[in-house]
C-alpha atoms as a PDB file:
ATOM      1  CA  GLU A   1     119.283 113.553 115.268  1.00  0.00           C
ATOM      2  CA  ASN A   2     116.613 115.599 113.348  1.00  0.00           C
ATOM      3  CA  ARG A   3     118.032 114.233 110.365  1.00  0.00           C
ATOM      4  CA  ILE A   4     117.912 110.230 111.680  1.00  0.00           C
ATOM      5  CA  LYS A   5     113.985 111.247 112.916  1.00  0.00           C
ATOM      6  CA  GLU A   6     113.406 112.645 109.136  1.00  0.00           C
ATOM      7  CA  LEU A   7     114.963 109.393 107.756  1.00  0.00           C
ATOM      8  CA  LYS A   8     113.106 106.934 109.621  1.00  0.00           C
ATOM      9  CA  GLN A   9     109.585 109.002 109.877  1.00  0.00           C
ATOM     10  CA  ASP A  10     109.825 110.007 105.898  1.00  0.00           C
ATOM     11  CA  PHE A  11     111.917 107.859 104.593  1.00  0.00           C
ATOM     12  CA  GLY A  12     111.025 104.868 106.283  1.00  0.00           C
ATOM     13  CA  ALA A  13     114.389 104.166 106.265  1.00  0.00           C
ATOM     14  CA  GLU A  14     113.481 102.379 109.591  1.00  0.00           C
ATOM     15  CA  SER A  15     110.777  99.271 107.519  1.00  0.00           C
ATOM     16  CA  PHE A  16     113.400  98.008 104.640  1.00  0.00           C
ATOM     17  CA  ASN A  17     113.630  94.230 106.555  1.00  0.00           C
ATOM     18  CA  LEU A  18     114.304  92.198 103.030  1.00  0.00           C
ATOM     19  CA  LYS A  19     115.265  89.092 102.497  1.00  0.00           C
ATOM     20  CA  ASP A  20     118.689  89.282 101.139  1.00  0.00           C
ATOM     21  CA  PHE A  21     121.358  91.477 102.497  1.00  0.00           C
ATOM     22  CA  TYR A  22     122.460  93.065  99.163  1.00  0.00           C
ATOM     23  CA  ALA A  23     118.554  93.700  98.917  1.00  0.00           C
ATOM     24  CA  THR A  24     118.405  95.191 102.055  1.00  0.00           C
ATOM     25  CA  GLU A  25     121.373  97.744 101.386  1.00  0.00           C
ATOM     26  CA  ALA A  26     120.621  98.621  97.849  1.00  0.00           C
ATOM     27  CA  ALA A  27     117.289 100.293  99.066  1.00  0.00           C
ATOM     28  CA  LEU A  28     118.859 101.444 102.059  1.00  0.00           C
ATOM     29  CA  ILE A  29     121.237 103.453  99.607  1.00  0.00           C
ATOM     30  CA  PHE A  30     118.236 104.558  97.386  1.00  0.00           C
ATOM     31  CA  SER A  31     116.895 106.168 100.428  1.00  0.00           C
ATOM     32  CA  MET A  32     120.049 107.582 101.483  1.00  0.00           C
ATOM     33  CA  ILE A  33     120.032 109.062  97.673  1.00  0.00           C
ATOM     34  CA  SER A  34     117.046 110.843  98.142  1.00  0.00           C
ATOM     35  CA  TYR A  35     117.027 112.072 100.885  1.00  0.00           C
ATOM     36  CA  ASN A  36     120.129 113.885  99.851  1.00  0.00           C
ATOM     37  CA  LEU A  37     118.329 114.951  96.330  1.00  0.00           C
ATOM     38  CA  MET A  38     115.581 116.425  98.701  1.00  0.00           C
ATOM     39  CA  SER A  39     118.421 118.470 100.737  1.00  0.00           C
ATOM     40  CA  LEU A  40     119.733 119.940  97.480  1.00  0.00           C
ATOM     41  CA  PHE A  41     115.872 120.574  96.267  1.00  0.00           C
ATOM     42  CA  ARG A  42     115.130 122.808 100.174  1.00  0.00           C
ATOM     43  CA  LEU A  43     119.132 124.057  99.953  1.00  0.00           C
ATOM     44  CA  PHE A  44     118.873 125.052  96.639  1.00  0.00           C
ATOM     45  CA  VAL A  45     115.425 126.061  95.327  1.00  0.00           C
ATOM     46  CA  LEU A  46     113.853 127.217  98.431  1.00  0.00           C
ATOM     47  CA  GLN A  47     116.602 128.773 100.288  1.00  0.00           C
ATOM     48  CA  GLU A  48     114.968 129.139 103.346  1.00  0.00           C
ATOM     49  CA  LYS A  49     116.084 130.026 106.393  1.00  0.00           C
ATOM     50  CA  THR A  50     114.662 126.897 108.092  1.00  0.00           C
ATOM     51  CA  GLN A  51     114.602 123.621 107.196  1.00  0.00           C
ATOM     52  CA  LYS A  52     111.329 121.788 106.522  1.00  0.00           C
ATOM     53  CA  THR A  53     110.878 118.447 107.140  1.00  0.00           C
ATOM     54  CA  LEU A  54     109.871 116.355 103.078  1.00  0.00           C
ATOM     55  CA  SER A  55     106.333 115.746 104.327  1.00  0.00           C
ATOM     56  CA  THR A  56     105.884 119.915 105.081  1.00  0.00           C
ATOM     57  CA  LEU A  57     107.104 119.996 101.676  1.00  0.00           C
ATOM     58  CA  ARG A  58     105.331 117.940  99.770  1.00  0.00           C
ATOM     59  CA  TYR A  59     102.784 119.628 101.307  1.00  0.00           C
ATOM     60  CA  ARG A  60     103.208 122.937 100.143  1.00  0.00           C
ATOM     61  CA  THR A  61     104.929 122.008  96.585  1.00  0.00           C
ATOM     62  CA  PHE A  62     104.202 117.959  95.454  1.00  0.00           C
ATOM     63  CA  THR A  63     100.683 117.954  96.784  1.00  0.00           C
ATOM     64  CA  ILE A  64      98.634 120.370  95.056  1.00  0.00           C
ATOM     65  CA  GLY A  65      94.920 120.137  92.746  1.00  0.00           C
ATOM     66  CA  ALA A  66      95.303 120.444  89.143  1.00  0.00           C
ATOM     67  CA  TYR A  67      93.129 119.783  86.147  1.00  0.00           C
ATOM     68  CA  PHE A  68      94.209 120.071  82.747  1.00  0.00           C
ATOM     69  CA  GLU A  69      91.685 122.146  80.001  1.00  0.00           C
ATOM     70  CA  ARG A  70      91.603 122.116  76.507  1.00  0.00           C
ATOM     71  CA  THR A  71      91.654 125.531  75.305  1.00  0.00           C
ATOM     72  CA  GLY A  72      91.333 125.338  71.458  1.00  0.00           C
ATOM     73  CA  ASP A  73      94.182 123.322  70.334  1.00  0.00           C
ATOM     74  CA  THR A  74      96.576 123.222  73.613  1.00  0.00           C
ATOM     75  CA  LEU A  75      96.613 121.494  77.297  1.00  0.00           C
ATOM     76  CA  LYS A  76      96.642 123.596  79.854  1.00  0.00           C
ATOM     77  CA  LEU A  77      97.726 123.178  83.574  1.00  0.00           C
ATOM     78  CA  LYS A  78      94.960 124.796  85.983  1.00  0.00           C
ATOM     79  CA  ILE A  79      97.117 124.174  89.613  1.00  0.00           C
ATOM     80  CA  ALA A  80      94.485 124.895  92.082  1.00  0.00           C
ATOM     81  CA  LEU A  81      96.105 127.312  95.166  1.00  0.00           C
ATOM     82  CA  THR A  82      94.957 130.003  97.422  1.00  0.00           C
ATOM     83  CA  LYS A  83      96.426 133.363  96.027  1.00  0.00           C
ATOM     84  CA  LYS A  84      98.908 133.351  99.062  1.00  0.00           C
ATOM     85  CA  ARG A  85     100.547 130.224  98.208  1.00  0.00           C
ATOM     86  CA  ARG A  86     100.784 131.231  94.637  1.00  0.00           C
ATOM     87  CA  LYS A  87     102.893 133.545  95.073  1.00  0.00           C
ATOM     88  CA  TRP A  88     105.339 131.706  97.158  1.00  0.00           C
ATOM     89  CA  PHE A  89     104.709 128.441  94.015  1.00  0.00           C
ATOM     90  CA  ILE A  90     105.558 131.080  90.891  1.00  0.00           C
ATOM     91  CA  GLY A  91     108.185 132.032  92.945  1.00  0.00           C
ATOM     92  CA  LEU A  92     110.246 128.953  93.330  1.00  0.00           C
ATOM     93  CA  TRP A  93     111.744 128.479  89.859  1.00  0.00           C
ATOM     94  CA  ASP A  94     111.930 133.133  89.019  1.00  0.00           C
ATOM     95  CA  PHE A  95     115.239 133.433  90.117  1.00  0.00           C
ATOM     96  CA  PRO A  96     118.756 132.611  88.873  1.00  0.00           C
ATOM     97  CA  ILE A  97     120.169 129.562  91.533  1.00  0.00           C
ATOM     98  CA  ASN A  98     123.025 130.298  93.417  1.00  0.00           C
ATOM     99  CA  LEU A  99     124.984 127.614  93.160  1.00  0.00           C
ATOM    100  CA  ASN A 100     128.192 128.977  95.471  1.00  0.00           C
ATOM    101  CA  GLN A 101     125.890 129.028  98.289  1.00  0.00           C
ATOM    102  CA  LYS A 102     128.140 127.328 101.413  1.00  0.00           C
ATOM    103  CA  VAL A 103     126.494 123.896 101.890  1.00  0.00           C
ATOM    104  CA  PRO A 104     126.761 122.662 105.864  1.00  0.00           C
ATOM    105  CA  ILE A 105     128.740 120.084 107.172  1.00  0.00           C
ATOM    106  CA  ALA A 106     126.758 117.913 109.934  1.00  0.00           C
END
């Protein structure tokens, strides 16, 4: 039930009502593919004990204020994070991804 609720709230799976059957089917398939990609991201990259919803992941990882700063001939991306979140954000990609992890079956 939680997965169905997440599909409805975060991926808009209940609001696909297109005029053509095949267009609706394609939209739902695309929604399922994006849900599966986010599930793999949660499982292999985040590796947390509790599974967060898409809206929580969006807030923690993707909606971060940033700006470009020119230093000499190079552009640097300055990310605005509090010190509490900065260590977690930088640590996302610091470790090798464990692909031998068991995938839970629903």
